[in-house]
Amino acid sequence: MNVPVDIPSEPWTGRDDGPGDDTLRWHHTVTPDAGRTPDWDAAFIGFRSDEGVRRNKGRQGAAGGPPALRAALSSMALPAPLHALDAGDIVVGDGDLEAGQHRLGQAVSALLDHRRRRPVVVLGGGHEVAFGTYLGLAGSRELRDGARLGVLNLDAHFDLRDDQRPSSGTPFRQMARAEERLGRRLNYAVLGVSQPSNTQRLFHTADALGVRYLRDTECGLLQLARVDLFLDAFLASCDVVHLSIDLDVLPAATAPGVSAPAAYGVPLEVIEHVCTRIAAGGKLAVCDVAELNPGLDVDHRTARTGARLLHRILTTATHLAHQPS
C-alpha cells in the first residue's frame, strides 16, 4: 500500500503499566508506517495546515494539531485490543493549500481502499482539512461504486463561504460544487450552528443547498431526543459517513485552544453522544478533527477533549466491526 506523506510516522509513546491485554493503551497498538500493518482496525493521518485559517483571517497555530492530538490520545487506556496504524503527515508549508488538499485526498483514498469499512481519522489542521478528507472519500472505490455519501459537521459555523480562494471557511461549499459536477447534491448536515457566528447570507446559502442543521441552542442535554431524531434522519439518508469535528463547536471552557472559541457551544456530553451514535451506526468511513491550536490551549484541555472523542469513536466502531455478522 502506497500512502504518500510528507513526514513519515514515528512510534507513539506513553505510560506503560506492564504486559497484558488488560493494560493496553493506544501507544501499544499503533504501528507507524502504513506498509507494515496489512490488517488494521483504524488508521491515522495528519494534515499540518494553517493556510486555510490564515486566508480566513483566523488565529494561526492549527498546524500543530496533529502531534498534540497524538500525544493526548497516546496514553488513553483501551477497553479491548485493536490494531491501528499511523501513516504520517501531509504538510502545507508553502502556502499551496490546494495541492496539500489533493495530496491528502490521495492518501485517504489509498487507506480507504486498502481496508474497506475501517475508519480513517485525519488529524487537523484548520478546517480546510475537511475538503481534503472529502477528496479522499470521493476518490475511493466505495463511492465510485455508487454508495450514498453523507457529511455531518459538528461545528459552530456552516463553512459555506463563497470565496475565490479556498480557506477554512469554504470546505463544504467546495464539496457542494464537487458533488454538483458529479451530478449529485451534497448531503450535508451541521450540528451546533451558532447564529451570531454566521451571517444571514450563510443561512440563505445553507437553505438553498438543502443543508439540514441544528443550532447550538437546540442541542442541550435536555434536547437529546431532538438530536437523536436529527441523527436518525441523517443516517437513514446515506450509506457512507464523513464525520467532521470542528472543536469550536464546544464551549470555550471545554475547548479554549481553537481559533474561534465558542461563547455558548454544545456540551461535551452531547457531542460525545453524537460521535458514539455515528460510530455505532456502522457507516463511518472517515473522521477529521479540526481547529486544535496547541498554542492557545489551556492545560492541553482541547487536545485531550479531541482525543477523548476519537477514543470513543474508534473503540465503538472497532467493537462493532468485531461483532459476528
Protein backbone atom coordinates (compact mmCIF):
# COMPACT_ATOMS: atom_id res chain seq x y z
CA MET A 1 0.00 0.00 0.00
CA ASN A 2 1.47 3.35 -1.08
CA VAL A 3 0.32 6.24 1.12
CA PRO A 4 2.02 9.47 0.01
CA VAL A 5 3.02 11.61 3.01
CA ASP A 6 5.48 14.45 3.65
CA ILE A 7 6.53 13.44 7.19
CA PRO A 8 6.80 9.71 7.98
CA SER A 9 5.11 8.49 11.14
CA GLU A 10 7.06 7.88 14.34
CA PRO A 11 6.46 5.41 17.19
CA TRP A 12 3.87 6.55 19.73
CA THR A 13 4.96 6.69 23.36
CA GLY A 14 3.17 6.94 26.69
CA ARG A 15 2.55 5.41 30.09
CA ASP A 16 3.26 1.70 30.41
CA ASP A 17 1.65 -0.43 33.15
CA GLY A 18 3.25 -3.72 32.14
CA PRO A 19 2.36 -6.57 29.77
CA GLY A 20 -1.11 -7.95 29.10
CA ASP A 21 -4.24 -7.04 27.19
CA ASP A 22 -5.73 -5.53 30.35
CA THR A 23 -3.05 -2.79 30.48
CA LEU A 24 -3.24 -1.68 26.85
CA ARG A 25 -3.04 1.96 25.90
CA TRP A 26 -3.16 3.49 22.44
CA HIS A 27 0.60 3.75 22.06
CA HIS A 28 0.84 -0.05 22.45
CA THR A 29 -1.44 -0.66 19.47
CA VAL A 30 -0.42 1.93 16.87
CA THR A 31 2.09 0.85 14.23
CA PRO A 32 3.99 3.61 12.45
CA ASP A 33 4.33 3.27 8.67
CA ALA A 34 1.26 2.12 6.77
CA GLY A 35 3.14 -0.57 4.87
CA ARG A 36 3.82 -2.68 7.97
CA THR A 37 0.25 -3.39 9.07
CA PRO A 38 -1.80 -5.20 6.42
CA ASP A 39 -4.89 -5.63 8.63
CA TRP A 40 -5.89 -2.75 10.87
CA ASP A 41 -8.98 -1.51 12.68
CA ALA A 42 -8.27 2.22 12.30
CA ALA A 43 -5.77 4.47 10.57
CA PHE A 44 -4.43 7.93 11.38
CA ILE A 45 -3.02 10.55 9.05
CA GLY A 46 -2.14 14.15 9.95
CA PHE A 47 -2.75 17.34 7.99
CA ARG A 48 -0.44 20.08 9.25
CA SER A 49 -2.02 23.17 7.76
CA ASP A 50 -2.57 26.74 8.89
CA GLU A 51 -3.01 28.16 5.42
CA GLY A 52 -6.81 27.95 5.39
CA VAL A 53 -7.04 29.66 8.77
CA ARG A 54 -4.63 32.36 7.60
CA ARG A 55 -6.72 33.02 4.48
CA ASN A 56 -9.86 33.14 6.66
CA LYS A 57 -8.20 35.75 8.91
CA GLY A 58 -8.26 33.47 11.95
CA ARG A 59 -5.70 32.87 14.70
CA GLN A 60 -2.98 30.65 13.31
CA GLY A 61 -1.46 27.63 15.04
CA ALA A 62 -3.62 24.69 13.95
CA ALA A 63 -0.70 23.15 12.04
CA GLY A 64 0.46 21.92 15.45
CA GLY A 65 -2.76 19.98 15.95
CA PRO A 66 -1.73 16.52 14.70
CA PRO A 67 1.18 15.92 17.11
CA ALA A 68 -0.84 17.37 20.01
CA LEU A 69 -3.77 15.03 19.30
CA ARG A 70 -1.45 12.03 19.04
CA ALA A 71 0.20 12.93 22.36
CA ALA A 72 -3.17 13.33 24.08
CA LEU A 73 -4.53 10.02 22.74
CA SER A 74 -1.36 8.00 23.24
CA SER A 75 -1.77 7.14 26.94
CA MET A 76 -5.53 6.65 26.95
CA ALA A 77 -6.44 3.15 28.13
CA LEU A 78 -8.13 0.75 25.72
CA PRO A 79 -11.09 -1.42 26.80
CA ALA A 80 -10.12 -4.16 24.31
CA PRO A 81 -7.24 -4.91 21.92
CA LEU A 82 -7.25 -3.33 18.48
CA HIS A 83 -4.75 -2.68 15.71
CA ALA A 84 -4.14 0.80 14.32
CA LEU A 85 -1.63 2.41 12.02
CA ASP A 86 -0.22 5.88 11.70
CA ALA A 87 0.57 6.81 8.10
CA GLY A 88 2.35 10.09 8.89
CA ASP A 89 1.56 13.69 7.96
CA ILE A 90 0.75 15.84 4.95
CA VAL A 91 2.30 19.31 5.37
CA VAL A 92 1.14 22.59 3.84
CA GLY A 93 4.22 24.69 4.43
CA ASP A 94 4.49 26.59 1.17
CA GLY A 95 1.09 28.31 1.06
CA ASP A 96 -0.19 25.90 -1.62
CA LEU A 97 -3.29 24.71 0.23
CA GLU A 98 -4.94 23.27 -2.87
CA ALA A 99 -2.01 20.94 -3.60
CA GLY A 100 -1.93 19.86 0.04
CA GLN A 101 -5.63 19.02 -0.01
CA HIS A 102 -5.15 16.89 -3.13
CA ARG A 103 -2.19 15.06 -1.55
CA LEU A 104 -4.31 14.38 1.50
CA GLY A 105 -7.10 13.09 -0.74
CA GLN A 106 -4.74 10.64 -2.46
CA ALA A 107 -3.51 9.35 0.90
CA VAL A 108 -7.03 8.93 2.32
CA SER A 109 -8.19 7.10 -0.83
CA ALA A 110 -5.28 4.66 -0.53
CA LEU A 111 -6.13 3.92 3.10
CA LEU A 112 -9.86 3.52 2.46
CA ASP A 113 -9.34 1.18 -0.47
CA HIS A 114 -6.88 -0.95 1.49
CA ARG A 115 -9.24 -1.61 4.42
CA ARG A 116 -12.84 -1.05 3.42
CA ARG A 117 -15.18 -0.05 6.24
CA ARG A 118 -12.37 0.57 8.69
CA PRO A 119 -12.35 4.24 9.79
CA VAL A 120 -9.64 6.60 8.65
CA VAL A 121 -9.00 9.52 11.04
CA VAL A 122 -7.49 12.75 9.72
CA LEU A 123 -5.85 14.89 12.39
CA GLY A 124 -6.05 18.60 11.51
CA GLY A 125 -5.08 21.28 10.93
CA GLY A 126 -7.56 24.04 10.16
CA HIS A 127 -11.00 23.10 8.90
CA GLU A 128 -9.69 23.23 5.35
CA VAL A 129 -8.77 19.63 6.19
CA ALA A 130 -12.38 18.63 5.54
CA PHE A 131 -12.17 19.19 1.79
CA GLY A 132 -9.01 17.09 1.56
CA THR A 133 -10.75 14.33 3.50
CA TYR A 134 -13.72 14.57 1.16
CA LEU A 135 -11.48 14.26 -1.90
CA GLY A 136 -10.13 11.01 -0.47
CA LEU A 137 -13.57 9.62 0.17
CA ALA A 138 -14.90 10.77 -3.22
CA GLY A 139 -11.98 9.00 -4.90
CA SER A 140 -12.47 5.74 -3.01
CA ARG A 141 -13.88 2.60 -4.59
CA GLU A 142 -16.94 2.64 -2.35
CA LEU A 143 -18.20 5.99 -3.63
CA ARG A 144 -17.19 5.17 -7.19
CA ASP A 145 -19.39 2.08 -6.82
CA GLY A 146 -22.41 4.27 -6.05
CA ALA A 147 -22.65 4.43 -2.25
CA ARG A 148 -24.59 7.43 -0.94
CA LEU A 149 -22.41 9.95 0.89
CA GLY A 150 -23.50 11.83 4.00
CA VAL A 151 -21.37 14.58 5.55
CA LEU A 152 -22.03 15.50 9.18
CA ASN A 153 -20.23 18.57 10.51
CA LEU A 154 -20.12 19.26 14.26
CA ASP A 155 -19.39 22.96 14.13
CA ALA A 156 -20.43 26.43 15.22
CA HIS A 157 -20.05 27.50 11.57
CA PHE A 158 -21.53 26.38 8.25
CA ASP A 159 -18.18 26.90 6.47
CA LEU A 160 -20.07 27.57 3.23
CA ARG A 161 -18.32 30.79 2.24
CA ASP A 162 -18.28 31.55 -1.48
CA ASP A 163 -14.74 32.94 -1.58
CA GLN A 164 -12.48 32.91 -4.62
CA ARG A 165 -9.65 31.20 -2.71
CA PRO A 166 -10.29 28.10 -0.60
CA SER A 167 -9.88 28.59 3.14
CA SER A 168 -11.03 27.12 6.44
CA GLY A 169 -14.36 28.83 5.78
CA THR A 170 -15.08 27.22 2.39
CA PRO A 171 -14.67 23.40 2.56
CA PHE A 172 -18.33 22.43 2.45
CA ARG A 173 -19.12 24.86 -0.35
CA GLN A 174 -16.24 23.25 -2.25
CA MET A 175 -17.79 19.84 -1.57
CA ALA A 176 -21.17 21.04 -2.84
CA ARG A 177 -19.59 22.20 -6.09
CA ALA A 178 -17.64 18.96 -6.50
CA GLU A 179 -20.77 16.88 -5.95
CA GLU A 180 -22.69 19.05 -8.42
CA ARG A 181 -20.04 18.39 -11.07
CA LEU A 182 -20.63 14.67 -10.47
CA GLY A 183 -24.38 15.11 -10.95
CA ARG A 184 -25.18 14.78 -7.26
CA ARG A 185 -26.37 17.05 -4.48
CA LEU A 186 -24.25 17.22 -1.36
CA ASN A 187 -25.96 15.52 1.57
CA TYR A 188 -24.71 17.88 4.27
CA ALA A 189 -25.86 18.28 7.87
CA VAL A 190 -24.49 20.55 10.61
CA LEU A 191 -25.00 20.19 14.35
CA GLY A 192 -24.18 23.10 16.65
CA VAL A 193 -24.55 26.13 14.37
CA SER A 194 -24.18 29.41 16.23
CA GLN A 195 -26.47 32.14 14.90
CA PRO A 196 -24.18 35.04 15.97
CA SER A 197 -21.26 33.38 14.17
CA ASN A 198 -22.99 33.01 10.78
CA THR A 199 -24.35 35.80 8.60
CA GLN A 200 -27.83 35.66 7.12
CA ARG A 201 -26.19 35.10 3.73
CA LEU A 202 -24.71 31.87 5.06
CA PHE A 203 -28.10 30.77 6.39
CA HIS A 204 -29.62 31.52 2.98
CA THR A 205 -26.83 29.58 1.28
CA ALA A 206 -27.46 26.62 3.58
CA ASP A 207 -31.17 26.71 2.78
CA ALA A 208 -30.51 26.93 -0.96
CA LEU A 209 -28.21 23.89 -0.77
CA GLY A 210 -30.70 21.87 1.26
CA VAL A 211 -28.47 21.73 4.33
CA ARG A 212 -30.06 20.27 7.45
CA TYR A 213 -28.90 21.85 10.69
CA LEU A 214 -29.48 22.23 14.39
CA ARG A 215 -28.49 25.42 16.18
CA ASP A 216 -26.38 25.22 19.31
CA THR A 217 -29.43 26.36 21.32
CA GLU A 218 -31.23 23.20 20.12
CA CYS A 219 -28.51 20.79 21.25
CA GLY A 220 -28.59 20.91 25.05
CA LEU A 221 -28.70 17.90 27.36
CA LEU A 222 -32.46 18.31 27.75
CA GLN A 223 -32.86 18.18 23.97
CA LEU A 224 -31.22 14.82 23.27
CA ALA A 225 -34.45 13.44 21.80
CA ARG A 226 -34.37 16.14 19.13
CA VAL A 227 -30.68 15.48 18.49
CA ASP A 228 -31.36 11.75 18.10
CA LEU A 229 -34.17 12.35 15.59
CA PHE A 230 -31.79 14.56 13.62
CA LEU A 231 -29.12 11.84 13.64
CA ASP A 232 -31.59 9.10 12.72
CA ALA A 233 -32.75 11.06 9.67
CA PHE A 234 -29.16 11.74 8.64
CA LEU A 235 -28.04 8.12 8.98
CA ALA A 236 -31.07 6.90 7.03
CA SER A 237 -30.15 9.20 4.13
CA CYS A 238 -26.69 7.76 3.42
CA ASP A 239 -24.56 4.63 3.15
CA VAL A 240 -21.18 6.16 3.98
CA VAL A 241 -20.49 8.88 6.58
CA HIS A 242 -17.85 11.60 6.62
CA LEU A 243 -17.81 12.98 10.17
CA SER A 244 -16.07 16.34 10.54
CA ILE A 245 -15.46 17.67 14.06
CA ASP A 246 -14.52 21.32 14.45
CA LEU A 247 -13.57 21.63 18.10
CA ASP A 248 -15.02 25.15 18.23
CA VAL A 249 -18.46 23.51 18.43
CA LEU A 250 -17.71 23.01 22.14
CA PRO A 251 -17.97 25.69 24.84
CA ALA A 252 -14.83 27.78 25.31
CA ALA A 253 -14.35 26.37 28.81
CA THR A 254 -14.09 22.88 27.30
CA ALA A 255 -12.19 23.82 24.15
CA PRO A 256 -10.24 27.06 24.65
CA GLY A 257 -7.48 26.10 22.20
CA VAL A 258 -9.24 26.92 18.92
CA SER A 259 -9.17 29.84 16.51
CA ALA A 260 -12.69 31.00 17.45
CA PRO A 261 -13.73 29.87 20.96
CA ALA A 262 -17.49 29.47 21.45
CA ALA A 263 -19.28 31.74 23.89
CA TYR A 264 -22.17 29.23 24.07
CA GLY A 265 -21.30 25.92 22.38
CA VAL A 266 -22.71 22.41 22.57
CA PRO A 267 -21.98 20.48 25.80
CA LEU A 268 -19.29 17.82 25.58
CA GLU A 269 -21.77 15.21 26.81
CA VAL A 270 -23.94 15.85 23.75
CA ILE A 271 -21.05 15.90 21.28
CA GLU A 272 -19.70 12.63 22.67
CA HIS A 273 -23.19 11.13 22.45
CA VAL A 274 -23.41 12.20 18.79
CA CYS A 275 -19.98 10.75 17.98
CA THR A 276 -20.89 7.45 19.66
CA ARG A 277 -24.18 7.22 17.76
CA ILE A 278 -22.45 7.85 14.44
CA ALA A 279 -19.73 5.29 15.15
CA ALA A 280 -22.31 2.70 16.24
CA GLY A 281 -24.27 3.24 13.01
CA GLY A 282 -21.78 1.13 11.07
CA LYS A 283 -21.42 3.66 8.23
CA LEU A 284 -18.44 5.74 9.35
CA ALA A 285 -15.67 5.84 6.73
CA VAL A 286 -13.69 8.95 7.62
CA CYS A 287 -13.49 11.37 10.53
CA ASP A 288 -11.46 14.56 10.64
CA VAL A 289 -10.77 16.72 13.69
CA ALA A 290 -10.10 20.38 13.00
CA GLU A 291 -9.01 23.67 14.55
CA LEU A 292 -6.99 22.46 17.53
CA ASN A 293 -4.46 25.22 18.21
CA PRO A 294 -2.00 23.97 20.87
CA GLY A 295 -0.50 27.45 21.34
CA LEU A 296 -3.88 28.72 22.56
CA ASP A 297 -4.76 25.67 24.65
CA VAL A 298 -5.01 25.61 28.46
CA ASP A 299 -3.52 22.56 30.24
CA HIS A 300 -3.91 20.60 26.97
CA ARG A 301 -7.65 20.75 27.64
CA THR A 302 -8.73 20.99 24.00
CA ALA A 303 -6.29 18.32 22.82
CA ARG A 304 -7.50 15.91 25.49
CA THR A 305 -11.11 16.59 24.59
CA GLY A 306 -10.46 15.93 20.91
CA ALA A 307 -8.55 12.77 21.79
CA ARG A 308 -11.38 11.54 24.03
CA LEU A 309 -13.86 11.97 21.19
CA LEU A 310 -11.60 9.99 18.85
CA HIS A 311 -11.17 7.33 21.54
CA ARG A 312 -14.93 6.93 21.83
CA ILE A 313 -15.46 6.88 18.07
CA LEU A 314 -12.76 4.31 17.34
CA THR A 315 -13.42 1.96 20.25
CA THR A 316 -17.13 1.97 19.39
CA ALA A 317 -16.52 1.39 15.66
CA THR A 318 -13.96 -1.34 16.35
CA HIS A 319 -16.25 -3.17 18.78
CA LEU A 320 -18.99 -3.10 16.12
CA ALA A 321 -16.64 -4.37 13.38
CA HIS A 322 -15.56 -7.34 15.54
CA GLN A 323 -19.12 -8.50 16.20
CA PRO A 324 -20.19 -11.71 14.39
CA SER A 325 -22.12 -10.87 11.22
